[in-house]
Amino acid sequence: MVSQSEEPPNVDGSPEDVAEERTVPLAWRLLTSPRTFLATSALIALLFAWAATLPQRPLASELARRMPFASAEAITGLGLDDVLVSWPLFLLVAVLVLNAAGIALARRLGTGGPGSRLFSRLATTLPYPVEAVRAELPRALGGSVAAQLKPGGLILRRGFYREGAALVVLGVLALGLALVVSRGSAVEHRLTVIPATGVLSTAETRHDDVFIAQVLPWGVMCDRPDPQDPTRTVPCRVAGPGESPVELALAPGGTTHLDERVFSLVREVPRVPALDEPIELVMTRDGRAERVRLDPGKPVELRATGHTLTAWPGPDGPLVVLEKPASADQPARTVLLTPPKTAVVPTGPAATAAQTVDGLRFEARPATTIEVRATTSPEAPLVLAGLAMVVLGLILMGALPHLEVTVSAAPGGSRLELSSHNRPFLPERVLAAVGRLLARPS
């Protein structure tokens, strides 16, 4: 006598065979389940959306600047910096192909994914004429029903599961095509701008992982940001031959769209100024900052205070001489100011090192070079269309009840085959409704 806690003995005594018997049905259920198709399609769509909204094939230095080292290493290891040839995409596509083949094979064999929580199939023979069953089916199904007559019988469908699946597939293909278009047609320029000089930028164009100098028919000119602007927005202009300049505002960390191009700030780096290049200072008086532009060796009088400023370029930053004329209570005096070259930062040691004389605080604005990225996104319409199709397709596949009924003549009555891909309870419910309608006394 075997107790309840004891397991029945294995035929050949091999525990591996028991594990294999339990694993194979689960693998078959996953392979033939529409849920696997939905999940895999959604993951591919998310992967493509990631690739379409983030820069692909970034340079290693850019990736390191954008995120922490650990995150950059993880993204590079997963291949998400170039999704089109990444192993997660290949794996998901392989699963999707196997799942589609499994669903088709299960339908051909007449087993709609045994044990599937989303798919259910029911077949039975009713002792009623085909005409009577066809007359009652629309009432039992309820809602809008599409009918199609085939050699195998009359097929009635409720819902838009097939249409939704087709939209998901088309959306995934559109997103994949968007990546291909982006990789083949998108252009990335790097523009080097010397601010406040009125000189057009020089440009380099990316080819694979290198940038090659190129002469563009248009360029960018930029000014320095307003010292009182907390966002440090850089005012720029885009101009081409025979064209009027177009205003372009570039904020750190943001993007600006102009026609078919997208502009963004990459970085601002210090440079060695020319000897005859104007010197810019930030003067703070009564809590208000304003810019002062000085030509080397040429004195400038501050009308509001009566001071005279004269500046010369120096090896560690500009040298500024502040002259105060004599007054009734104070004699004339001259002060040599050596504002720190890094005082462009509004906080920190650089700002505290600036000198203050007669309530005037001076900080030098070092000479810098601004690097601007200009890219084109010809894949943007495909990305929007692909995402819209995937979302709409998933809604049609999951939100609207799906049921397919095939009615054909059979010996002694009518043959009914009912299947549903997203409401497993519908076949039994509709079959019971048909039975009640047919059993009513006429």
Protein backbone atom coordinates (compact mmCIF):
# COMPACT_ATOMS: atom_id res chain seq x y z
CA MET A 1 0.00 0.00 0.00
CA VAL A 2 1.37 3.37 -1.04
CA SER A 3 0.76 6.39 1.17
CA GLN A 4 -0.40 9.73 -0.22
CA SER A 5 2.98 11.35 0.33
CA GLU A 6 4.79 8.77 -1.77
CA GLU A 7 5.25 9.42 -5.46
CA PRO A 8 4.47 6.72 -8.01
CA PRO A 9 7.56 4.93 -9.21
CA ASN A 10 9.07 5.86 -12.52
CA VAL A 11 8.87 3.32 -15.31
CA ASP A 12 12.59 3.22 -15.98
CA GLY A 13 13.65 4.73 -12.68
CA SER A 14 15.34 7.75 -14.33
CA PRO A 15 14.55 11.15 -12.70
CA GLU A 16 15.90 12.91 -15.79
CA ASP A 17 13.06 11.44 -17.86
CA VAL A 18 10.49 12.75 -15.36
CA ALA A 19 12.00 16.24 -15.55
CA GLU A 20 12.02 16.04 -19.34
CA GLU A 21 8.37 14.98 -19.41
CA ARG A 22 7.44 17.94 -17.23
CA THR A 23 9.59 20.37 -19.20
CA VAL A 24 8.48 19.51 -22.73
CA PRO A 25 4.79 20.41 -22.25
CA LEU A 26 5.78 23.71 -20.62
CA ALA A 27 8.14 24.52 -23.51
CA TRP A 28 5.41 23.61 -25.97
CA ARG A 29 2.90 25.83 -24.19
CA LEU A 30 5.32 28.75 -24.28
CA LEU A 31 6.19 28.09 -27.91
CA THR A 32 2.55 27.99 -29.05
CA SER A 33 1.14 30.64 -26.73
CA PRO A 34 -0.10 33.97 -28.14
CA ARG A 35 1.07 35.52 -24.88
CA THR A 36 4.65 34.76 -25.94
CA PHE A 37 3.99 36.53 -29.23
CA LEU A 38 2.56 39.55 -27.44
CA ALA A 39 5.39 39.75 -24.92
CA THR A 40 8.12 39.26 -27.52
CA SER A 41 6.62 41.83 -29.88
CA ALA A 42 6.30 44.33 -27.04
CA LEU A 43 9.95 43.77 -26.03
CA ILE A 44 11.16 44.25 -29.61
CA ALA A 45 9.07 47.40 -29.91
CA LEU A 46 10.52 48.74 -26.65
CA LEU A 47 14.03 47.89 -27.84
CA PHE A 48 13.47 49.69 -31.13
CA ALA A 49 11.90 52.65 -29.33
CA TRP A 50 15.00 52.83 -27.11
CA ALA A 51 17.22 52.79 -30.18
CA ALA A 52 15.12 55.39 -31.98
CA THR A 53 15.02 57.88 -29.13
CA LEU A 54 18.64 57.57 -27.95
CA PRO A 55 21.82 58.17 -29.93
CA GLN A 56 23.09 54.99 -31.52
CA ARG A 57 26.76 54.15 -32.01
CA PRO A 58 27.97 56.92 -29.66
CA LEU A 59 31.63 57.52 -29.21
CA ALA A 60 33.13 56.01 -26.07
CA SER A 61 33.96 59.46 -24.69
CA GLU A 62 30.36 60.64 -25.19
CA LEU A 63 28.93 57.56 -23.50
CA ALA A 64 31.25 58.07 -20.54
CA ARG A 65 30.13 61.71 -20.23
CA ARG A 66 26.44 60.85 -20.42
CA MET A 67 26.25 58.23 -17.68
CA PRO A 68 28.22 56.51 -14.92
CA PHE A 69 30.96 54.10 -15.87
CA ALA A 70 29.04 51.02 -14.68
CA SER A 71 25.95 51.95 -16.72
CA ALA A 72 28.05 52.66 -19.80
CA GLU A 73 29.77 49.28 -19.47
CA ALA A 74 26.41 47.51 -19.06
CA ILE A 75 24.90 49.23 -22.11
CA THR A 76 27.96 48.42 -24.20
CA GLY A 77 27.98 44.81 -23.03
CA LEU A 78 24.30 44.35 -23.89
CA GLY A 79 24.83 45.94 -27.28
CA LEU A 80 22.23 48.64 -26.63
CA ASP A 81 24.56 51.28 -28.03
CA ASP A 82 23.96 49.69 -31.45
CA VAL A 83 20.63 47.88 -31.19
CA LEU A 84 20.42 46.94 -34.86
CA VAL A 85 23.24 44.39 -34.50
CA SER A 86 22.85 43.59 -30.80
CA TRP A 87 22.43 40.07 -29.45
CA PRO A 88 19.21 40.92 -27.50
CA LEU A 89 17.53 41.84 -30.78
CA PHE A 90 18.72 38.64 -32.48
CA LEU A 91 17.49 36.59 -29.51
CA LEU A 92 14.06 38.24 -29.47
CA VAL A 93 13.66 37.86 -33.23
CA ALA A 94 14.60 34.17 -32.97
CA VAL A 95 12.00 33.67 -30.21
CA LEU A 96 9.39 35.53 -32.28
CA VAL A 97 10.05 33.37 -35.36
CA LEU A 98 9.93 30.15 -33.33
CA ASN A 99 6.74 31.29 -31.61
CA ALA A 100 5.05 32.14 -34.93
CA ALA A 101 6.08 28.76 -36.33
CA GLY A 102 4.81 27.04 -33.17
CA ILE A 103 1.43 28.78 -33.34
CA ALA A 104 1.07 27.86 -37.02
CA LEU A 105 2.06 24.24 -36.31
CA ALA A 106 -0.35 24.00 -33.37
CA ARG A 107 -3.18 25.35 -35.49
CA ARG A 108 -2.34 22.88 -38.26
CA LEU A 109 -2.28 19.96 -35.82
CA GLY A 110 -5.47 21.14 -34.17
CA THR A 111 -3.90 21.74 -30.76
CA GLY A 112 -4.13 25.39 -29.93
CA GLY A 113 -1.33 25.52 -27.44
CA PRO A 114 -2.45 23.04 -24.76
CA GLY A 115 -2.80 24.59 -21.36
CA SER A 116 -2.45 28.13 -22.68
CA ARG A 117 -4.04 30.75 -20.45
CA LEU A 118 -4.96 32.96 -23.39
CA PHE A 119 -5.84 30.52 -26.15
CA SER A 120 -8.71 28.08 -25.96
CA ARG A 121 -10.28 25.82 -28.56
CA LEU A 122 -13.48 23.81 -28.47
CA ALA A 123 -15.08 21.50 -31.07
CA THR A 124 -18.38 19.68 -30.86
CA THR A 125 -21.28 18.34 -32.93
CA LEU A 126 -24.82 19.62 -32.35
CA PRO A 127 -27.92 17.65 -33.39
CA TYR A 128 -29.35 20.60 -35.28
CA PRO A 129 -29.38 21.54 -38.96
CA VAL A 130 -26.65 23.84 -40.20
CA GLU A 131 -29.18 26.51 -41.20
CA ALA A 132 -30.62 26.65 -37.68
CA VAL A 133 -27.21 26.92 -36.07
CA ARG A 134 -26.13 29.67 -38.49
CA ALA A 135 -29.30 31.63 -37.75
CA GLU A 136 -28.70 31.64 -33.98
CA LEU A 137 -24.96 32.16 -33.92
CA PRO A 138 -24.96 35.98 -34.44
CA ARG A 139 -27.27 36.41 -31.46
CA ALA A 140 -25.11 34.15 -29.32
CA LEU A 141 -21.93 35.94 -30.29
CA GLY A 142 -23.26 39.44 -29.69
CA GLY A 143 -21.62 42.63 -30.94
CA SER A 144 -20.36 43.09 -34.47
CA VAL A 145 -19.63 39.82 -36.27
CA ALA A 146 -17.80 39.33 -39.57
CA ALA A 147 -18.94 36.33 -41.62
CA GLN A 148 -16.94 34.57 -44.33
CA LEU A 149 -18.05 31.58 -46.39
CA LYS A 150 -15.33 29.05 -47.21
CA PRO A 151 -15.32 25.52 -48.61
CA GLY A 152 -14.91 24.19 -45.06
CA GLY A 153 -18.02 26.00 -43.84
CA LEU A 154 -19.14 29.38 -42.55
CA ILE A 155 -16.62 31.28 -40.41
CA LEU A 156 -17.79 34.00 -38.05
CA ARG A 157 -15.32 36.25 -36.30
CA ARG A 158 -15.69 38.69 -33.44
CA GLY A 159 -12.95 41.12 -32.52
CA PHE A 160 -9.86 42.27 -34.38
CA TYR A 161 -7.17 39.93 -33.11
CA ARG A 162 -5.76 39.16 -36.55
CA GLU A 163 -5.78 42.79 -37.57
CA GLY A 164 -4.06 43.71 -34.31
CA ALA A 165 -1.38 41.06 -34.82
CA ALA A 166 -0.80 42.33 -38.34
CA LEU A 167 -0.44 45.89 -37.02
CA VAL A 168 2.07 44.76 -34.39
CA VAL A 169 4.15 42.98 -37.03
CA LEU A 170 3.99 45.99 -39.34
CA GLY A 171 4.91 48.31 -36.45
CA VAL A 172 7.92 46.21 -35.50
CA LEU A 173 9.00 46.14 -39.16
CA ALA A 174 8.56 49.92 -39.38
CA LEU A 175 10.72 50.43 -36.29
CA GLY A 176 13.36 48.11 -37.69
CA LEU A 177 13.25 49.98 -40.99
CA ALA A 178 13.59 53.24 -39.06
CA LEU A 179 16.82 51.96 -37.57
CA VAL A 180 18.10 50.98 -40.99
CA VAL A 181 17.19 54.40 -42.41
CA SER A 182 18.80 56.12 -39.44
CA ARG A 183 21.98 54.14 -39.87
CA GLY A 184 22.18 54.72 -43.62
CA SER A 185 20.78 58.22 -44.09
CA ALA A 186 21.11 60.10 -40.82
CA VAL A 187 23.92 62.66 -40.74
CA GLU A 188 25.82 63.94 -37.71
CA HIS A 189 27.90 67.12 -37.84
CA ARG A 190 30.17 68.54 -35.16
CA LEU A 191 30.46 72.31 -35.35
CA THR A 192 33.26 74.18 -33.61
CA VAL A 193 32.19 77.72 -32.70
CA ILE A 194 34.28 80.52 -31.21
CA PRO A 195 31.68 82.61 -29.38
CA ALA A 196 31.38 86.38 -29.59
CA THR A 197 33.56 86.64 -32.69
CA GLY A 198 30.94 86.64 -35.45
CA VAL A 199 32.89 83.98 -37.35
CA LEU A 200 31.05 81.00 -38.85
CA SER A 201 31.77 77.61 -37.36
CA THR A 202 34.00 74.94 -38.80
CA ALA A 203 32.48 71.50 -39.27
CA GLU A 204 33.29 67.81 -39.17
CA THR A 205 31.04 64.99 -40.37
CA ARG A 206 30.88 61.59 -38.76
CA HIS A 207 31.82 58.52 -40.79
CA ASP A 208 31.46 55.37 -38.67
CA ASP A 209 33.50 56.19 -35.56
CA VAL A 210 35.63 59.04 -36.91
CA PHE A 211 34.91 62.66 -37.77
CA ILE A 212 36.28 64.10 -41.02
CA ALA A 213 36.52 67.81 -41.76
CA GLN A 214 33.92 69.04 -44.25
CA VAL A 215 32.85 72.39 -45.65
CA LEU A 216 29.09 72.89 -45.16
CA PRO A 217 26.90 75.36 -47.06
CA TRP A 218 25.74 76.76 -43.74
CA GLY A 219 27.28 77.56 -40.36
CA VAL A 220 26.58 78.59 -36.78
CA MET A 221 27.61 81.75 -34.92
CA CYS A 222 27.16 82.02 -31.15
CA ASP A 223 27.44 84.63 -28.42
CA ARG A 224 28.27 84.09 -24.81
CA PRO A 225 25.38 83.29 -22.46
CA ASP A 226 23.95 86.03 -20.27
CA PRO A 227 25.69 85.89 -16.86
CA GLN A 228 22.32 86.42 -15.16
CA ASP A 229 20.66 83.55 -17.01
CA PRO A 230 20.55 80.51 -14.66
CA THR A 231 19.96 78.15 -17.59
CA ARG A 232 23.15 79.36 -19.35
CA THR A 233 21.35 79.34 -22.71
CA VAL A 234 23.73 80.13 -25.56
CA PRO A 235 22.22 82.50 -28.18
CA CYS A 236 23.25 81.39 -31.66
CA ARG A 237 22.35 82.03 -35.28
CA VAL A 238 22.32 79.69 -38.26
CA ALA A 239 23.23 81.27 -41.56
CA GLY A 240 23.95 80.14 -45.09
CA PRO A 241 25.03 81.85 -48.32
CA GLY A 242 22.40 84.35 -49.36
CA GLU A 243 20.16 83.47 -46.39
CA SER A 244 19.03 85.57 -43.47
CA PRO A 245 20.35 84.33 -40.12
CA VAL A 246 17.89 82.27 -38.09
CA GLU A 247 17.92 82.55 -34.30
CA LEU A 248 18.91 79.38 -32.46
CA ALA A 249 18.92 79.04 -28.65
CA LEU A 250 20.99 76.17 -27.25
CA ALA A 251 20.57 75.13 -23.62
CA PRO A 252 22.89 72.64 -21.89
CA GLY A 253 21.34 69.19 -21.81
CA GLY A 254 18.57 70.08 -24.28
CA THR A 255 17.92 69.93 -28.02
CA THR A 256 16.60 72.50 -30.47
CA HIS A 257 14.84 71.59 -33.72
CA LEU A 258 15.37 73.77 -36.76
CA ASP A 259 13.92 72.53 -40.05
CA GLU A 260 15.18 68.97 -40.51
CA ARG A 261 18.17 69.38 -38.17
CA VAL A 262 18.43 68.89 -34.41
CA PHE A 263 21.02 70.99 -32.56
CA SER A 264 22.50 70.37 -29.12
CA LEU A 265 25.47 71.54 -27.07
CA VAL A 266 28.22 68.98 -26.65
CA ARG A 267 30.79 70.79 -24.53
CA GLU A 268 32.60 74.06 -23.90
CA VAL A 269 36.37 73.94 -23.52
CA PRO A 270 38.90 76.69 -22.74
CA ARG A 271 41.27 77.89 -25.43
CA VAL A 272 44.26 80.24 -25.76
CA PRO A 273 42.94 83.66 -26.86
CA ALA A 274 44.58 85.77 -29.54
CA LEU A 275 46.56 88.83 -28.46
CA ASP A 276 44.16 91.24 -30.16
CA GLU A 277 41.01 89.41 -29.08
CA PRO A 278 38.52 91.41 -26.98
CA ILE A 279 38.46 90.62 -23.26
CA GLU A 280 35.14 90.03 -21.52
CA LEU A 281 34.52 90.66 -17.83
CA VAL A 282 31.49 90.14 -15.63
CA MET A 283 31.02 93.12 -13.32
CA THR A 284 28.71 92.72 -10.34
CA ARG A 285 27.37 95.89 -8.72
CA ASP A 286 24.59 95.99 -6.12
CA GLY A 287 23.81 92.34 -6.79
CA ARG A 288 23.34 92.89 -10.53
CA ALA A 289 25.75 91.36 -13.07
CA GLU A 290 26.56 92.87 -16.44
CA ARG A 291 29.06 92.18 -19.16
CA VAL A 292 31.95 94.50 -19.97
CA ARG A 293 33.81 94.10 -23.26
CA LEU A 294 37.32 95.58 -23.46
CA ASP A 295 39.72 95.84 -26.35
CA PRO A 296 43.33 95.13 -25.29
CA GLY A 297 45.09 98.35 -24.20
CA LYS A 298 42.06 100.62 -24.79
CA PRO A 299 40.59 102.27 -21.67
CA VAL A 300 36.83 102.18 -21.12
CA GLU A 301 35.07 104.53 -18.71
CA LEU A 302 32.24 103.25 -16.55
CA ARG A 303 29.81 106.15 -16.58
CA ALA A 304 27.77 104.85 -13.66
CA THR A 305 30.75 104.81 -11.28
CA GLY A 306 33.36 107.01 -12.91
CA HIS A 307 35.96 104.26 -12.95
CA THR A 308 38.20 103.56 -15.95
CA LEU A 309 39.10 100.01 -16.98
CA THR A 310 42.03 98.97 -19.14
CA ALA A 311 42.81 95.30 -19.87
CA TRP A 312 45.70 93.35 -21.39
CA PRO A 313 45.94 89.62 -22.09
CA GLY A 314 48.14 87.73 -19.64
CA PRO A 315 49.61 84.23 -19.44
CA ASP A 316 47.22 83.19 -16.65
CA GLY A 317 44.30 85.36 -17.63
CA PRO A 318 43.64 89.01 -18.39
CA LEU A 319 45.31 91.78 -16.39
CA VAL A 320 42.91 94.62 -15.61
CA VAL A 321 43.81 98.08 -14.33
CA LEU A 322 41.05 99.92 -12.45
CA GLU A 323 41.55 103.68 -12.14
CA LYS A 324 39.53 105.82 -9.75
CA PRO A 325 39.68 109.60 -10.38
CA ALA A 326 40.21 111.94 -7.49
CA SER A 327 37.21 113.32 -5.64
CA ALA A 328 36.62 115.83 -2.85
CA ASP A 329 37.10 113.25 -0.12
CA GLN A 330 39.32 110.64 -1.82
CA PRO A 331 42.53 110.88 -3.84
CA ALA A 332 42.98 109.22 -7.23
CA ARG A 333 44.16 105.64 -7.13
CA THR A 334 45.00 102.78 -9.46
CA VAL A 335 44.38 99.09 -8.65
CA LEU A 336 45.69 96.10 -10.59
CA LEU A 337 43.08 93.35 -10.79
CA THR A 338 43.94 89.79 -11.71
CA PRO A 339 40.58 88.05 -12.01
CA PRO A 340 40.86 84.26 -12.17
CA LYS A 341 40.58 82.76 -15.61
CA THR A 342 38.10 80.11 -14.41
CA ALA A 343 35.68 82.59 -12.92
CA VAL A 344 33.03 81.74 -15.51
CA VAL A 345 31.58 79.38 -12.90
CA PRO A 346 29.21 81.35 -10.64
CA THR A 347 30.06 79.34 -7.53
CA GLY A 348 33.12 77.71 -6.06
CA PRO A 349 36.70 78.77 -5.34
CA ALA A 350 37.02 80.60 -8.68
CA ALA A 351 34.26 83.04 -7.78
CA THR A 352 35.54 83.67 -4.25
CA ALA A 353 39.01 84.52 -5.63
CA ALA A 354 37.71 87.48 -7.63
CA GLN A 355 38.60 90.92 -6.31
CA THR A 356 36.13 93.53 -5.14
CA VAL A 357 37.00 97.24 -5.22
CA ASP A 358 34.62 100.08 -4.29
CA GLY A 359 31.68 97.68 -4.35
CA LEU A 360 32.56 96.47 -7.84
CA ARG A 361 33.25 92.76 -8.29
CA PHE A 362 35.06 91.66 -11.43
CA GLU A 363 35.33 88.16 -12.86
CA ALA A 364 36.99 87.25 -16.13
CA ARG A 365 35.23 85.23 -18.77
CA PRO A 366 37.88 82.94 -20.22
CA ALA A 367 38.15 82.36 -23.93
CA THR A 368 36.34 79.17 -24.84
CA THR A 369 35.34 77.06 -27.80
CA ILE A 370 31.82 75.67 -28.05
CA GLU A 371 31.14 72.36 -29.74
CA VAL A 372 27.67 71.94 -31.23
CA ARG A 373 26.12 68.75 -32.58
CA ALA A 374 23.79 68.97 -35.60
CA THR A 375 21.98 65.81 -36.64
CA THR A 376 19.25 64.84 -39.07
CA SER A 377 16.52 62.34 -38.21
CA PRO A 378 14.93 61.04 -41.43
CA GLU A 379 13.63 58.05 -39.49
CA ALA A 380 11.39 60.12 -37.18
CA PRO A 381 8.12 59.58 -39.18
CA LEU A 382 8.78 55.84 -39.31
CA VAL A 383 9.42 55.76 -35.57
CA LEU A 384 6.14 57.52 -34.79
CA ALA A 385 4.20 55.35 -37.24
CA GLY A 386 5.80 52.15 -35.92
CA LEU A 387 5.11 52.96 -32.29
CA ALA A 388 1.52 53.93 -33.10
CA MET A 389 0.95 50.66 -34.97
CA VAL A 390 2.45 48.56 -32.18
CA VAL A 391 0.37 50.25 -29.48
CA LEU A 392 -2.85 50.09 -31.53
CA GLY A 393 -2.15 46.48 -32.49
CA LEU A 394 -1.59 45.42 -28.88
CA ILE A 395 -4.82 47.15 -27.88
CA LEU A 396 -6.75 45.34 -30.61
CA MET A 397 -5.18 42.01 -29.68
CA GLY A 398 -5.71 42.27 -25.95
CA ALA A 399 -8.53 44.70 -25.16
CA LEU A 400 -11.21 43.56 -27.63
CA PRO A 401 -12.67 40.05 -27.10
CA HIS A 402 -11.74 37.66 -29.88
CA LEU A 403 -13.76 34.63 -30.99
CA GLU A 404 -13.75 32.61 -34.17
CA VAL A 405 -16.52 30.09 -34.96
CA THR A 406 -16.58 27.67 -37.88
CA VAL A 407 -19.90 25.99 -38.74
CA SER A 408 -20.05 23.07 -41.15
CA ALA A 409 -22.36 20.22 -41.93
CA ALA A 410 -21.71 16.90 -40.19
CA PRO A 411 -23.44 13.52 -40.08
CA GLY A 412 -26.41 13.89 -37.77
CA GLY A 413 -26.21 17.65 -37.30
CA SER A 414 -23.72 20.50 -37.39
CA ARG A 415 -20.05 20.70 -36.54
CA LEU A 416 -18.94 23.70 -34.45
CA GLU A 417 -15.34 24.72 -33.88
CA LEU A 418 -14.80 27.66 -31.53
CA SER A 419 -11.50 29.31 -30.63
CA SER A 420 -10.40 32.45 -28.80
CA HIS A 421 -6.95 33.99 -28.50
CA ASN A 422 -7.55 36.36 -25.59
CA ARG A 423 -10.75 35.21 -23.80
CA PRO A 424 -10.43 31.48 -22.96
CA PHE A 425 -13.92 31.37 -21.43
CA LEU A 426 -15.73 32.63 -24.55
CA PRO A 427 -15.96 29.33 -26.51
CA GLU A 428 -17.81 27.52 -23.71
CA ARG A 429 -20.02 30.53 -23.00
CA VAL A 430 -21.01 30.97 -26.66
CA LEU A 431 -21.57 27.24 -27.10
CA ALA A 432 -23.90 27.22 -24.07
CA ALA A 433 -25.76 30.27 -25.46
CA VAL A 434 -26.19 28.55 -28.84
CA GLY A 435 -27.52 25.46 -27.10
CA ARG A 436 -30.07 27.47 -25.14
CA LEU A 437 -31.23 29.33 -28.22
CA LEU A 438 -31.63 26.15 -30.25
CA ALA A 439 -33.40 24.32 -27.40
CA ARG A 440 -36.13 26.94 -27.12
CA PRO A 441 -39.54 25.73 -28.23
CA SER A 442 -40.43 27.14 -31.60
